[in-house]
N, C-alpha and C. Protein backbone atom coordinates (compact mmCIF):
# COMPACT_ATOMS: atom_id res chain seq x y z
N MET A 1 17.73 11.09 6.16
CA MET A 1 16.45 10.75 7.31
C MET A 1 16.73 8.99 7.31
N SER A 2 15.95 9.43 8.51
CA SER A 2 16.43 7.86 8.84
C SER A 2 14.74 7.11 8.85
N ILE A 3 15.41 5.79 9.49
CA ILE A 3 14.03 4.79 8.64
C ILE A 3 13.04 4.66 9.95
N GLN A 4 13.06 5.87 10.72
CA GLN A 4 11.80 5.79 11.83
C GLN A 4 10.97 7.41 11.16
N ASP A 5 12.01 7.83 10.08
CA ASP A 5 11.37 9.06 9.23
C ASP A 5 10.02 8.69 8.45
N ASP A 6 11.04 7.60 8.11
CA ASP A 6 10.17 6.93 6.86
C ASP A 6 9.30 5.92 7.10
N LEU A 7 9.14 5.30 8.55
CA LEU A 7 8.19 4.40 8.97
C LEU A 7 7.49 5.80 9.31
N ASN A 8 7.49 6.37 9.96
CA ASN A 8 6.06 7.54 9.93
C ASN A 8 5.98 7.94 8.79
N ARG A 9 6.06 8.42 7.61
CA ARG A 9 6.02 8.87 6.30
C ARG A 9 4.62 8.11 6.36
N VAL A 10 5.35 6.59 5.94
CA VAL A 10 4.43 5.77 6.19
C VAL A 10 2.85 6.04 6.25
N ARG A 11 2.94 5.82 7.59
CA ARG A 11 1.78 5.43 8.85
C ARG A 11 0.90 6.55 8.60
N GLU A 12 1.73 7.76 8.05
CA GLU A 12 0.40 8.76 8.47
C GLU A 12 -0.31 8.90 6.94
N TRP A 13 0.71 8.39 5.59
CA TRP A 13 -0.09 7.95 4.32
C TRP A 13 -0.92 7.06 4.90
N ALA A 14 -0.90 5.79 5.38
CA ALA A 14 -2.06 5.06 5.30
C ALA A 14 -3.66 5.25 6.21
N GLN A 15 -2.66 6.16 7.65
CA GLN A 15 -3.70 6.52 8.57
C GLN A 15 -4.48 8.09 7.20
N GLU A 16 -3.99 8.71 6.78
CA GLU A 16 -4.78 9.59 5.72
C GLU A 16 -5.78 9.15 4.74
N LYS A 17 -5.34 7.99 3.76
CA LYS A 17 -6.25 6.61 3.24
C LYS A 17 -7.11 6.42 4.11
N ALA A 18 -6.71 5.45 5.07
CA ALA A 18 -8.11 5.10 5.66
C ALA A 18 -9.29 5.82 6.17
N GLN A 19 -9.20 7.51 6.68
CA GLN A 19 -9.67 7.79 7.00
C GLN A 19 -10.81 8.87 5.82
N GLY A 20 -10.32 8.79 4.18
CA GLY A 20 -10.94 9.26 3.43
C GLY A 20 -11.90 9.48 3.65
N GLY A 21 -12.24 8.19 3.82
CA GLY A 21 -14.03 7.38 2.99
C GLY A 21 -14.24 7.13 1.79
N SER A 22 -12.97 7.57 1.42
CA SER A 22 -13.42 6.63 -0.92
C SER A 22 -12.86 5.54 -1.09
N GLU A 23 -12.15 5.26 0.62
CA GLU A 23 -11.50 3.16 0.46
C GLU A 23 -12.23 2.47 0.34
N PRO A 24 -12.89 1.14 -0.57
CA PRO A 24 -13.52 -0.17 -0.25
C PRO A 24 -13.26 -0.25 1.05
N PRO A 25 -14.05 -1.44 1.90
CA PRO A 25 -13.67 -1.97 3.19
C PRO A 25 -12.85 -2.59 3.06
N TRP A 26 -12.01 -3.45 2.44
CA TRP A 26 -10.84 -4.47 2.43
C TRP A 26 -9.80 -3.27 2.49
N ALA A 27 -10.23 -2.27 1.71
CA ALA A 27 -8.89 -2.01 1.45
C ALA A 27 -8.53 -0.45 2.82
N TRP A 28 -9.45 -0.79 3.72
CA TRP A 28 -9.65 0.49 5.22
C TRP A 28 -8.82 -0.66 6.14
N TYR A 29 -8.92 -1.82 5.89
CA TYR A 29 -9.15 -3.04 6.61
C TYR A 29 -7.37 -2.83 6.40
N GLN A 30 -6.51 -3.00 5.70
CA GLN A 30 -5.59 -2.89 4.98
C GLN A 30 -4.89 -1.93 5.39
N TYR A 31 -5.06 -1.02 5.51
CA TYR A 31 -4.39 0.30 6.18
C TYR A 31 -4.93 0.67 7.27
N MET A 32 -4.94 0.06 8.36
CA MET A 32 -5.43 0.07 9.67
C MET A 32 -3.82 -1.19 10.04
N LYS A 33 -4.25 -2.33 9.31
CA LYS A 33 -3.29 -2.69 9.93
C LYS A 33 -2.01 -2.67 9.37
N LEU A 34 -1.96 -1.57 8.66
CA LEU A 34 -0.24 -0.97 8.49
C LEU A 34 -0.18 0.13 8.80
N VAL A 35 -0.88 0.55 9.71
CA VAL A 35 -1.08 1.81 10.14
C VAL A 35 -0.38 0.63 12.20
N GLU A 36 -1.10 -0.14 11.90
CA GLU A 36 -1.07 -1.05 13.39
C GLU A 36 0.69 -1.40 13.52
N THR A 37 0.85 -1.99 12.57
CA THR A 37 2.32 -2.78 12.40
C THR A 37 3.40 -1.94 12.09
N VAL A 38 3.18 -1.06 11.56
CA VAL A 38 4.16 0.25 11.10
C VAL A 38 4.21 0.98 12.85
N ASP A 39 2.89 0.72 14.07
CA ASP A 39 2.89 1.30 15.33
C ASP A 39 3.92 0.82 16.09
N ALA A 40 3.88 -0.54 16.25
CA ALA A 40 4.61 -1.90 16.57
C ALA A 40 5.88 -1.74 16.24
N ILE A 41 6.23 -1.67 15.50
CA ILE A 41 7.81 -1.64 14.46
C ILE A 41 8.79 -0.66 15.31
N LEU A 42 7.69 0.92 15.51
CA LEU A 42 8.25 1.65 16.03
C LEU A 42 8.70 1.83 17.45
N ARG A 43 7.57 1.17 18.32
CA ARG A 43 7.51 0.62 19.69
C ARG A 43 8.60 0.31 20.27
N GLY A 44 9.16 -0.97 19.50
CA GLY A 44 9.53 -2.05 19.28
C GLY A 44 11.09 -1.63 18.92
N MET A 45 11.12 -0.32 18.51
CA MET A 45 13.08 0.29 17.72
C MET A 45 12.93 1.83 19.18
N ALA A 46 12.10 1.87 19.59
CA ALA A 46 12.12 2.61 20.45
C ALA A 46 12.80 1.97 22.45
N ALA A 47 11.97 0.54 21.95
CA ALA A 47 12.63 -0.05 23.12
C ALA A 47 13.93 -0.98 23.13
N THR A 48 14.16 -0.78 21.89
CA THR A 48 15.62 -2.06 21.93
C THR A 48 16.54 -0.45 22.28
N THR A 49 17.66 -0.46 22.31
CA THR A 49 19.20 -0.04 22.81
C THR A 49 20.18 -0.32 21.94
N THR A 50 21.00 -0.15 21.17
CA THR A 50 22.00 -0.65 20.60
C THR A 50 23.10 -0.41 21.41
N GLU A 51 23.71 0.34 22.26
CA GLU A 51 24.48 0.34 23.22
C GLU A 51 25.06 -0.43 24.06
N ASN A 52 24.06 -1.70 24.07
CA ASN A 52 25.01 -2.92 24.82
C ASN A 52 24.52 -3.96 24.03
N SER A 53 24.39 -3.49 22.86
CA SER A 53 23.94 -4.86 22.17
C SER A 53 25.53 -5.61 21.00
N PRO A 54 25.49 -6.66 20.80
CA PRO A 54 26.70 -7.04 20.34
C PRO A 54 26.63 -6.32 18.90
N GLN A 55 28.22 -5.71 18.44
CA GLN A 55 27.50 -4.73 17.01
C GLN A 55 28.37 -6.27 15.75
N LEU A 56 27.59 -5.91 14.85
CA LEU A 56 27.88 -6.83 13.55
C LEU A 56 29.04 -6.68 13.01
N VAL A 57 30.02 -8.02 13.37
CA VAL A 57 31.10 -8.08 12.61
C VAL A 57 31.17 -8.28 11.41
N THR A 58 31.99 -7.22 10.48
CA THR A 58 31.95 -7.79 9.27
C THR A 58 33.15 -8.63 9.10
N ARG A 59 32.93 -9.85 8.29
CA ARG A 59 34.22 -10.71 8.19
C ARG A 59 34.75 -10.76 6.63
N GLN A 60 35.58 -11.57 6.77
CA GLN A 60 36.58 -11.18 5.60
C GLN A 60 36.81 -12.74 4.91
N GLY A 61 36.47 -12.88 3.39
CA GLY A 61 36.28 -14.50 3.26
C GLY A 61 35.40 -14.92 2.85
N LYS A 62 34.80 -16.12 2.58
CA LYS A 62 33.35 -17.12 2.68
C LYS A 62 33.06 -17.17 3.85
N LEU A 63 31.95 -16.98 3.61
CA LEU A 63 30.97 -17.26 4.36
C LEU A 63 30.43 -18.94 4.61
N ILE A 64 30.24 -19.36 3.39
CA ILE A 64 29.58 -20.39 3.57
C ILE A 64 31.04 -21.19 2.48
N GLN A 65 31.32 -22.72 2.81
CA GLN A 65 32.28 -23.43 1.67
C GLN A 65 31.64 -24.40 1.46
N LEU A 66 31.29 -24.79 0.09
CA LEU A 66 30.63 -25.76 0.03
C LEU A 66 31.79 -26.98 0.14
N THR A 67 31.38 -27.72 0.01
CA THR A 67 32.15 -28.95 0.29
C THR A 67 31.79 -30.35 -0.36
N GLU A 68 32.10 -31.73 -0.06
CA GLU A 68 31.44 -32.84 -1.18
C GLU A 68 31.14 -33.63 0.05
N ALA A 69 29.60 -33.97 -0.67
CA ALA A 69 28.57 -34.56 0.28
C ALA A 69 29.37 -35.96 1.03
N LYS A 70 29.15 -36.23 2.03
CA LYS A 70 29.53 -37.12 3.15
C LYS A 70 29.03 -38.67 2.62
N CYS A 71 27.39 -38.87 2.08
CA CYS A 71 26.93 -40.09 1.65
C CYS A 71 26.45 -39.66 0.24
N GLN A 72 25.84 -40.90 0.09
CA GLN A 72 25.33 -41.75 -1.87
C GLN A 72 24.18 -40.81 -1.06
N ARG A 73 23.34 -40.15 -3.05
CA ARG A 73 22.48 -39.82 -2.46
C ARG A 73 21.54 -41.00 -2.64
N ASP A 74 21.78 -42.42 -3.56
CA ASP A 74 21.12 -43.31 -3.35
C ASP A 74 20.86 -44.33 -1.74
N THR A 75 21.73 -44.08 -0.94
CA THR A 75 22.15 -45.29 0.07
C THR A 75 21.52 -44.78 1.30
N VAL A 76 20.74 -43.32 1.21
CA VAL A 76 19.76 -43.17 2.23
C VAL A 76 18.53 -43.82 2.67
N GLN A 77 17.94 -44.53 3.37
CA GLN A 77 17.05 -45.39 4.38
C GLN A 77 15.42 -44.36 4.24
N ARG A 78 14.69 -44.69 2.92
CA ARG A 78 13.43 -43.63 3.10
C ARG A 78 12.22 -44.21 3.28
N HIS A 79 11.56 -43.43 4.04
CA HIS A 79 10.59 -43.50 4.83
C HIS A 79 9.18 -44.19 4.56
N PRO A 80 8.66 -45.68 4.70
CA PRO A 80 7.70 -46.36 3.98
C PRO A 80 7.04 -45.53 3.84
N GLY A 81 6.20 -45.29 2.69
CA GLY A 81 4.79 -44.52 2.40
C GLY A 81 3.88 -44.76 2.65
N THR A 82 3.92 -46.50 2.92
CA THR A 82 2.38 -47.13 3.56
C THR A 82 1.52 -46.93 4.80
N ALA A 83 2.48 -45.90 5.66
CA ALA A 83 1.77 -45.31 6.62
C ALA A 83 0.62 -44.39 6.41
N LYS A 84 -0.86 -44.79 7.05
CA LYS A 84 -1.44 -43.58 7.06
C LYS A 84 -1.65 -42.77 8.54
N ILE A 85 -1.76 -41.49 7.74
CA ILE A 85 -1.59 -40.53 8.58
C ILE A 85 -3.06 -39.87 9.04
N PRO A 86 -3.35 -40.04 10.67
CA PRO A 86 -4.72 -40.11 10.95
C PRO A 86 -5.33 -38.28 10.82
N LEU A 87 -5.90 -38.02 10.41
CA LEU A 87 -6.82 -36.86 10.15
C LEU A 87 -8.20 -36.18 10.85
N PRO A 88 -7.41 -35.51 11.75
CA PRO A 88 -9.39 -34.49 12.17
C PRO A 88 -10.35 -34.42 11.49
N MET A 89 -11.07 -35.08 12.54
CA MET A 89 -12.70 -35.35 11.87
C MET A 89 -13.58 -33.49 11.82
């Protein structure tokens, strides 16, 4: 099975639930949003080709290496807390 098959199954399920008539209005709205979202994902997948896209290269070893901090914690200047921020009316 492919991801497209799974998405189509989810779309069909959500559409059946929305068209069933036994769901409350808030649930119907959520099912319809799910159908629209799956449609958008499928359209995006159809429009994207991987032939010319750079392939993900698997890297060996560590991806992130933690190092010692270059500044001391208490020496950083703090922003003054006295500035008033204008709020919209």
